Amino acid sequence: MKQIKVLVVDDSVMFRQMISQAVDLAPDMTVVAMAADPFQARDMILRFEPDVMTLDVEMPKMSGIEFLRKLMPQYPLPTIMLSSLNSAVFDALAAGAVDFVNKPQNMRPEELNKWVDEELLVKIRAAVTAKVGDRGGRPLPGKLPAGRTVPLPTSANGREYKNKILAIGASTGGTEAIYNVVKDLHGDIPGTVMVQHMPPGFTKMYADRLDTQCEVCVKEAQDGDLVERGKILLAPGDFQMRLVKTGGVYRVEVKPGDKVSGHRPSVDVLFDSVARVAGSNALGVILTGMGADGAKGLLAMRKRGAKTLGQDEKTCVVYGMPKVAFDIGAVERQVPLDKMAGTIYSVLNSMP
């Protein structure tokens, strides 16, 4: 078995040792080097040629984000960020990191073991298969100035898309993929429900960030929220979100629940509910991500008459979720990321 070579970069001796010991216990991984700062990391990268790097966001001398911005154009290395609850992690993802894990704080031994098995090791394995380099990552721009108008990717011709629902699901690489879609959506977009695999706390920061930087309204969903034109509701971390309809009005139900397809929130849970509630009035979109979450739910949507789109292999960071969905017949059409917003409008315009 070819082992995944891992470089651990963290200014904390305790975290370096903890991560190193956890990784070395995995039969398919080995830590080839550890570094206390980006300057040491640079030398270790050249010497050991790791397959994946774990990188702390906040470090002395140079932050992990600044290091990534310097490293990626010259040496695109799959990187998993370790971060406390800090919105700076989204700058790291924009700079080219594949994914992130929330740094464990005051965990009991059994909780720490679970974090290692279900978070850290899973994301290291996913990173090995990820495409890194020029993925269009960049610091996100500011909100559009008041009064500025931007042409729709495909003209909506004044339509209001009544009773229509847009549902989006993503995982690894999804924070940037979602941004690249949402930045081209406008106030005419139908009520939108969305899942991005992300820990609690980070989903609110991500929703707030998108809301500030995009024309549409984006918020972390709360139980009972209306699904309205021009608004995107993002499922909160560690909760399951479903679409419901009461009195002819779409709302979301946000409740605790078991993991489904390995995730909470789960794209399958959301898509299944959209299939039941909205049927042929829905459009489902599955973006980059590892695993199969969302594939069965998207197939259920298609069987109920919904339109379905999947991100194509070339533009995915990890062509996992969209591939499984395509292979089982859930995806009607595969679309490059930079064409996704325009295709969404085109499909909506074709719906009765």
Protein backbone atom coordinates (compact mmCIF):
# COMPACT_ATOMS: atom_id res chain seq x y z
CA MET A 1 0.00 0.00 0.00
CA LYS A 2 1.37 3.40 -1.02
CA GLN A 3 1.27 5.63 2.02
CA ILE A 4 0.13 9.25 1.99
CA LYS A 5 3.07 11.44 2.99
CA VAL A 6 1.93 14.18 5.38
CA LEU A 7 3.68 17.36 6.49
CA VAL A 8 2.37 18.83 9.78
CA VAL A 9 2.81 22.59 10.22
CA ASP A 10 1.79 24.16 13.54
CA ASP A 11 3.53 26.48 15.98
CA SER A 12 2.17 24.44 18.92
CA VAL A 13 4.41 21.54 19.92
CA MET A 14 1.39 19.83 21.48
CA PHE A 15 -0.69 19.99 18.29
CA ARG A 16 2.21 18.92 16.10
CA GLN A 17 2.75 15.84 18.25
CA MET A 18 -0.95 15.07 18.59
CA ILE A 19 -1.59 15.25 14.84
CA SER A 20 1.59 13.36 14.03
CA GLN A 21 0.71 10.51 16.40
CA ALA A 22 -2.85 10.30 15.04
CA VAL A 23 -1.74 10.27 11.42
CA ASP A 24 1.00 7.69 12.01
CA LEU A 25 -1.57 5.29 13.49
CA ALA A 26 -3.45 5.25 10.17
CA PRO A 27 -2.20 2.35 8.03
CA ASP A 28 -2.30 4.40 4.81
CA MET A 29 -0.48 7.52 6.10
CA THR A 30 2.85 8.58 7.50
CA VAL A 31 4.17 11.91 8.77
CA VAL A 32 7.35 12.65 6.84
CA ALA A 33 8.12 15.92 8.66
CA MET A 34 6.88 18.53 11.11
CA ALA A 35 7.47 22.29 11.05
CA ALA A 36 6.85 25.07 13.55
CA ASP A 37 6.44 27.87 10.98
CA PRO A 38 6.17 28.45 7.23
CA PHE A 39 9.92 29.00 6.84
CA GLN A 40 10.66 25.55 8.21
CA ALA A 41 7.74 24.17 6.19
CA ARG A 42 9.19 25.50 2.94
CA ASP A 43 12.41 23.59 3.51
CA MET A 44 10.53 20.42 4.50
CA ILE A 45 8.37 20.58 1.37
CA LEU A 46 11.41 20.68 -0.89
CA ARG A 47 13.21 17.96 1.06
CA PHE A 48 10.41 15.43 1.63
CA GLU A 49 7.88 16.21 -1.16
CA PRO A 50 4.76 15.51 0.95
CA ASP A 51 1.43 14.58 -0.63
CA VAL A 52 -0.62 16.64 1.83
CA MET A 53 0.12 19.42 4.32
CA THR A 54 -1.87 20.24 7.46
CA LEU A 55 -1.45 23.93 8.22
CA ASP A 56 -2.42 26.12 11.15
CA VAL A 57 -4.16 29.37 10.20
CA GLU A 58 -2.51 31.51 12.87
CA MET A 59 1.25 31.31 13.33
CA PRO A 60 4.11 33.69 14.20
CA LYS A 61 6.46 35.10 11.53
CA MET A 62 3.95 34.41 8.73
CA SER A 63 0.30 33.37 8.84
CA GLY A 64 -0.83 30.17 7.19
CA ILE A 65 -2.89 32.24 4.74
CA GLU A 66 0.06 34.38 3.66
CA PHE A 67 2.18 31.23 3.30
CA LEU A 68 -0.45 29.62 1.06
CA ARG A 69 -0.62 32.71 -1.15
CA LYS A 70 3.13 32.54 -1.68
CA LEU A 71 3.30 28.75 -1.99
CA MET A 72 0.43 27.79 -4.28
CA PRO A 73 1.50 29.59 -7.49
CA GLN A 74 4.91 27.88 -7.34
CA TYR A 75 4.18 24.58 -5.55
CA PRO A 76 0.47 23.62 -5.51
CA LEU A 77 0.31 21.28 -2.53
CA PRO A 78 -3.01 19.87 -1.23
CA THR A 79 -3.52 21.56 2.14
CA ILE A 80 -5.91 21.04 5.05
CA MET A 81 -6.21 24.03 7.36
CA LEU A 82 -6.54 23.68 11.13
CA SER A 83 -8.54 26.56 12.53
CA SER A 84 -10.29 27.71 15.64
CA LEU A 85 -13.69 29.38 15.07
CA ASN A 86 -12.31 32.12 12.84
CA SER A 87 -13.60 33.51 9.54
CA ALA A 88 -9.99 33.78 8.32
CA VAL A 89 -10.27 30.13 7.30
CA PHE A 90 -12.33 31.26 4.30
CA ASP A 91 -9.42 33.42 3.16
CA ALA A 92 -7.26 30.29 3.36
CA LEU A 93 -9.74 28.38 1.18
CA ALA A 94 -9.76 31.26 -1.29
CA ALA A 95 -5.95 31.11 -1.31
CA GLY A 96 -6.01 27.48 -2.41
CA ALA A 97 -6.51 25.24 0.64
CA VAL A 98 -8.61 22.16 -0.12
CA ASP A 99 -10.55 22.06 3.15
CA PHE A 100 -10.34 22.74 6.88
CA VAL A 101 -10.98 21.10 10.23
CA ASN A 102 -11.99 22.84 13.42
CA LYS A 103 -9.13 22.64 15.93
CA PRO A 104 -10.13 20.43 18.86
CA GLN A 105 -10.57 22.26 22.14
CA ASN A 106 -10.93 20.52 25.54
CA MET A 107 -12.07 17.25 24.01
CA ARG A 108 -12.33 14.05 26.00
CA PRO A 109 -10.17 11.20 24.67
CA GLU A 110 -13.11 9.47 22.99
CA GLU A 111 -14.18 12.76 21.35
CA LEU A 112 -10.64 13.37 20.14
CA ASN A 113 -10.45 9.89 18.61
CA LYS A 114 -13.74 10.51 16.83
CA TRP A 115 -12.47 13.87 15.54
CA VAL A 116 -9.33 12.20 14.19
CA ASP A 117 -11.22 9.36 12.46
CA GLU A 118 -14.22 11.29 11.13
CA GLU A 119 -12.66 14.68 10.38
CA LEU A 120 -8.89 14.84 10.11
CA LEU A 121 -8.05 11.54 8.41
CA VAL A 122 -11.07 11.68 6.09
CA LYS A 123 -10.09 15.12 4.84
CA ILE A 124 -6.44 14.18 4.38
CA ARG A 125 -7.51 11.26 2.20
CA ALA A 126 -9.81 13.54 0.21
CA ALA A 127 -7.06 16.12 -0.25
CA VAL A 128 -4.82 13.59 -2.01
CA THR A 129 -7.34 13.33 -4.85
CA ALA A 130 -8.06 17.07 -5.02
CA LYS A 131 -7.08 19.38 -7.84
CA VAL A 132 -5.02 22.27 -6.54
CA GLY A 133 -3.31 25.20 -8.19
CA ASP A 134 -5.12 27.71 -10.35
CA ARG A 135 -8.71 27.08 -9.27
CA GLY A 136 -9.71 30.72 -9.42
CA GLY A 137 -9.20 31.18 -5.68
CA ARG A 138 -8.97 34.77 -4.60
CA PRO A 139 -9.99 37.06 -1.75
CA LEU A 140 -13.68 37.69 -2.22
CA PRO A 141 -14.71 41.18 -3.39
CA GLY A 142 -16.85 43.60 -1.49
CA LYS A 143 -20.61 43.98 -1.79
CA LEU A 144 -21.92 45.65 -4.93
CA PRO A 145 -22.32 49.42 -4.53
CA ALA A 146 -25.88 50.59 -3.92
CA GLY A 147 -27.75 51.22 -7.14
CA ARG A 148 -25.35 49.30 -9.35
CA THR A 149 -27.02 46.99 -11.83
CA VAL A 150 -25.43 43.87 -13.25
CA PRO A 151 -26.79 42.05 -16.32
CA LEU A 152 -28.14 38.59 -15.58
CA PRO A 153 -26.03 35.73 -16.97
CA THR A 154 -29.13 34.86 -19.00
CA SER A 155 -31.98 37.34 -19.00
CA ALA A 156 -34.88 36.42 -16.77
CA ASN A 157 -37.17 38.59 -18.93
CA GLY A 158 -38.92 39.88 -15.83
CA ARG A 159 -40.03 36.46 -14.65
CA GLU A 160 -40.61 35.86 -10.97
CA TYR A 161 -40.21 32.07 -11.04
CA LYS A 162 -43.31 31.61 -8.89
CA ASN A 163 -43.38 28.50 -6.71
CA LYS A 164 -39.94 27.48 -7.95
CA ILE A 165 -37.20 26.19 -5.62
CA LEU A 166 -33.43 26.08 -6.21
CA ALA A 167 -31.53 23.52 -4.09
CA ILE A 168 -27.72 23.38 -3.97
CA GLY A 169 -25.39 20.88 -2.27
CA ALA A 170 -21.58 20.82 -1.95
CA SER A 171 -18.71 19.54 0.17
CA THR A 172 -14.92 19.57 -0.33
CA GLY A 173 -14.02 22.63 -2.40
CA GLY A 174 -17.57 23.87 -2.06
CA THR A 175 -16.97 27.16 -0.28
CA GLU A 176 -15.27 28.62 -3.35
CA ALA A 177 -17.51 26.76 -5.81
CA ILE A 178 -20.65 28.09 -4.12
CA TYR A 179 -19.24 31.62 -4.10
CA ASN A 180 -18.48 31.38 -7.83
CA VAL A 181 -22.12 30.46 -8.46
CA VAL A 182 -23.81 32.76 -5.95
CA LYS A 183 -21.85 35.87 -7.00
CA ASP A 184 -23.63 35.70 -10.36
CA LEU A 185 -27.12 35.26 -8.94
CA HIS A 186 -29.43 38.23 -8.52
CA GLY A 187 -32.51 39.35 -6.66
CA ASP A 188 -34.84 37.58 -9.07
CA ILE A 189 -33.56 34.12 -8.15
CA PRO A 190 -36.22 31.83 -6.65
CA GLY A 191 -36.08 30.86 -3.00
CA THR A 192 -32.91 28.80 -2.54
CA VAL A 193 -31.95 26.17 0.03
CA MET A 194 -28.36 25.01 0.36
CA VAL A 195 -26.10 22.57 2.21
CA GLN A 196 -22.33 22.93 2.48
CA HIS A 197 -20.65 20.40 4.77
CA MET A 198 -19.21 22.55 7.54
CA PRO A 199 -18.91 22.49 11.35
CA PRO A 200 -21.21 24.47 13.67
CA GLY A 201 -20.35 28.15 13.91
CA PHE A 202 -18.59 28.24 10.56
CA THR A 203 -21.87 28.01 8.64
CA LYS A 204 -23.07 31.33 10.10
CA MET A 205 -19.74 33.00 9.33
CA TYR A 206 -19.85 31.65 5.79
CA ALA A 207 -23.44 32.75 5.22
CA ASP A 208 -22.67 36.22 6.59
CA ARG A 209 -19.60 36.44 4.36
CA LEU A 210 -21.58 35.52 1.23
CA ASP A 211 -24.32 37.95 2.23
CA THR A 212 -21.78 40.78 2.43
CA GLN A 213 -20.07 39.91 -0.84
CA CYS A 214 -22.97 38.94 -3.10
CA GLU A 215 -26.10 40.63 -4.39
CA VAL A 216 -28.53 38.01 -3.07
CA CYS A 217 -29.46 37.73 0.59
CA VAL A 218 -27.72 34.79 2.30
CA LYS A 219 -28.36 33.69 5.87
CA GLU A 220 -27.84 30.68 8.12
CA ALA A 221 -31.26 29.06 8.28
CA GLN A 222 -33.38 28.93 11.41
CA ASP A 223 -36.33 26.63 11.97
CA GLY A 224 -39.42 28.09 10.30
CA ASP A 225 -37.61 30.55 7.99
CA LEU A 226 -39.53 31.47 4.84
CA VAL A 227 -37.98 30.41 1.53
CA GLU A 228 -38.31 33.60 -0.45
CA ARG A 229 -37.33 35.13 -3.79
CA GLY A 230 -33.81 36.54 -3.73
CA LYS A 231 -32.83 34.69 -0.53
CA ILE A 232 -30.53 31.73 0.08
CA LEU A 233 -30.89 29.71 3.30
CA LEU A 234 -27.78 27.76 4.33
CA ALA A 235 -28.24 24.72 6.57
CA PRO A 236 -26.55 25.27 9.96
CA GLY A 237 -23.74 22.96 11.03
CA ASP A 238 -24.79 19.91 13.08
CA PHE A 239 -28.48 20.21 12.10
CA GLN A 240 -30.58 18.63 9.36
CA MET A 241 -32.57 20.97 7.13
CA ARG A 242 -35.69 20.05 5.15
CA LEU A 243 -38.04 21.94 2.87
CA VAL A 244 -41.67 22.00 4.01
CA LYS A 245 -44.81 23.66 2.64
CA THR A 246 -47.63 24.94 4.81
CA GLY A 247 -50.58 26.95 3.55
CA GLY A 248 -48.99 27.18 0.12
CA VAL A 249 -45.81 28.74 1.54
CA TYR A 250 -42.35 27.19 1.49
CA ARG A 251 -40.41 27.14 4.75
CA VAL A 252 -37.45 25.23 6.14
CA GLU A 253 -37.49 22.85 9.06
CA VAL A 254 -34.18 22.86 10.94
CA LYS A 255 -33.92 20.11 13.53
CA PRO A 256 -31.31 17.97 15.31
CA GLY A 257 -31.01 14.48 13.91
CA ASP A 258 -28.78 11.56 13.08
CA LYS A 259 -26.12 11.82 10.41
CA VAL A 260 -27.34 10.77 6.98
CA SER A 261 -24.88 9.68 4.29
CA GLY A 262 -22.24 10.44 6.92
CA HIS A 263 -23.19 14.08 7.33
CA ARG A 264 -25.20 16.53 9.41
CA PRO A 265 -26.32 18.61 7.57
CA SER A 266 -26.81 16.18 4.71
CA VAL A 267 -27.45 17.09 1.09
CA ASP A 268 -29.51 13.89 0.72
CA VAL A 269 -31.86 14.99 3.52
CA LEU A 270 -32.41 18.38 1.90
CA PHE A 271 -32.80 17.04 -1.66
CA ASP A 272 -35.20 14.28 -0.54
CA SER A 273 -37.44 16.89 1.08
CA VAL A 274 -37.31 19.10 -2.02
CA ALA A 275 -38.31 16.11 -4.16
CA ARG A 276 -41.35 15.44 -1.96
CA VAL A 277 -42.46 19.03 -1.46
CA ALA A 278 -41.56 20.87 -4.68
CA GLY A 279 -41.46 18.07 -7.27
CA SER A 280 -41.24 19.42 -10.83
CA ASN A 281 -41.04 23.00 -9.54
CA ALA A 282 -37.47 22.44 -8.33
CA LEU A 283 -33.97 22.69 -9.77
CA GLY A 284 -31.22 20.73 -8.00
CA VAL A 285 -27.51 21.48 -8.32
CA ILE A 286 -24.72 19.28 -6.95
CA LEU A 287 -21.21 20.72 -6.76
CA THR A 288 -17.71 19.51 -5.87
CA GLY A 289 -17.27 17.18 -2.91
CA MET A 290 -15.96 13.87 -1.69
CA GLY A 291 -18.25 10.88 -1.22
CA ALA A 292 -21.81 10.31 -2.34
CA ASP A 293 -23.97 12.61 -0.22
CA GLY A 294 -26.66 14.21 -2.36
CA ALA A 295 -26.60 11.67 -5.21
CA LYS A 296 -29.64 9.66 -4.07
CA GLY A 297 -31.51 12.81 -3.11
CA LEU A 298 -30.85 14.37 -6.50
CA LEU A 299 -32.08 11.19 -8.18
CA ALA A 300 -35.26 11.40 -6.13
CA MET A 301 -35.69 14.98 -7.34
CA ARG A 302 -35.24 13.97 -10.97
CA LYS A 303 -37.73 11.11 -10.62
CA ARG A 304 -40.29 13.62 -9.31
CA GLY A 305 -39.79 15.82 -12.39
CA ALA A 306 -37.21 18.30 -11.11
CA LYS A 307 -34.42 19.61 -13.31
CA THR A 308 -30.91 18.61 -12.18
CA LEU A 309 -27.38 19.89 -12.84
CA GLY A 310 -23.96 18.62 -11.74
CA GLN A 311 -20.58 20.30 -11.78
CA ASP A 312 -18.28 18.77 -14.40
CA GLU A 313 -15.12 16.83 -13.56
CA LYS A 314 -12.68 19.37 -14.98
CA THR A 315 -13.74 22.18 -12.64
CA CYS A 316 -14.33 20.12 -9.47
CA VAL A 317 -11.77 20.21 -6.68
CA VAL A 318 -12.94 16.68 -5.84
CA TYR A 319 -15.10 14.93 -8.43
CA GLY A 320 -16.87 12.68 -5.95
CA MET A 321 -20.44 13.71 -5.21
CA PRO A 322 -21.16 14.96 -8.76
CA LYS A 323 -19.64 11.78 -10.25
CA VAL A 324 -21.76 9.43 -8.14
CA ALA A 325 -24.85 11.49 -8.95
CA PHE A 326 -24.04 11.38 -12.67
CA ASP A 327 -23.27 7.66 -12.62
CA ILE A 328 -26.65 6.75 -11.09
CA GLY A 329 -28.57 8.93 -13.55
CA ALA A 330 -29.39 11.78 -11.17
CA VAL A 331 -27.68 14.50 -13.26
CA GLU A 332 -29.35 15.64 -16.47
CA ARG A 333 -26.48 17.87 -17.51
CA GLN A 334 -22.89 18.42 -16.37
CA VAL A 335 -21.76 22.03 -16.37
CA PRO A 336 -18.39 23.81 -15.85
CA LEU A 337 -18.38 25.94 -12.70
CA ASP A 338 -18.00 29.23 -14.56
CA LYS A 339 -21.11 28.43 -16.61
CA MET A 340 -23.25 27.19 -13.71
CA ALA A 341 -25.03 30.45 -12.80
CA GLY A 342 -25.92 31.14 -16.43
CA THR A 343 -27.15 27.57 -16.87
CA ILE A 344 -29.29 27.87 -13.73
CA TYR A 345 -31.04 30.89 -15.26
CA SER A 346 -31.37 29.14 -18.60
CA VAL A 347 -33.02 26.11 -17.00
CA LEU A 348 -35.31 28.24 -14.84
CA ASN A 349 -36.40 30.18 -17.92
CA SER A 350 -37.30 26.90 -19.65
CA MET A 351 -39.45 25.64 -16.78
CA PRO A 352 -43.24 26.10 -17.07
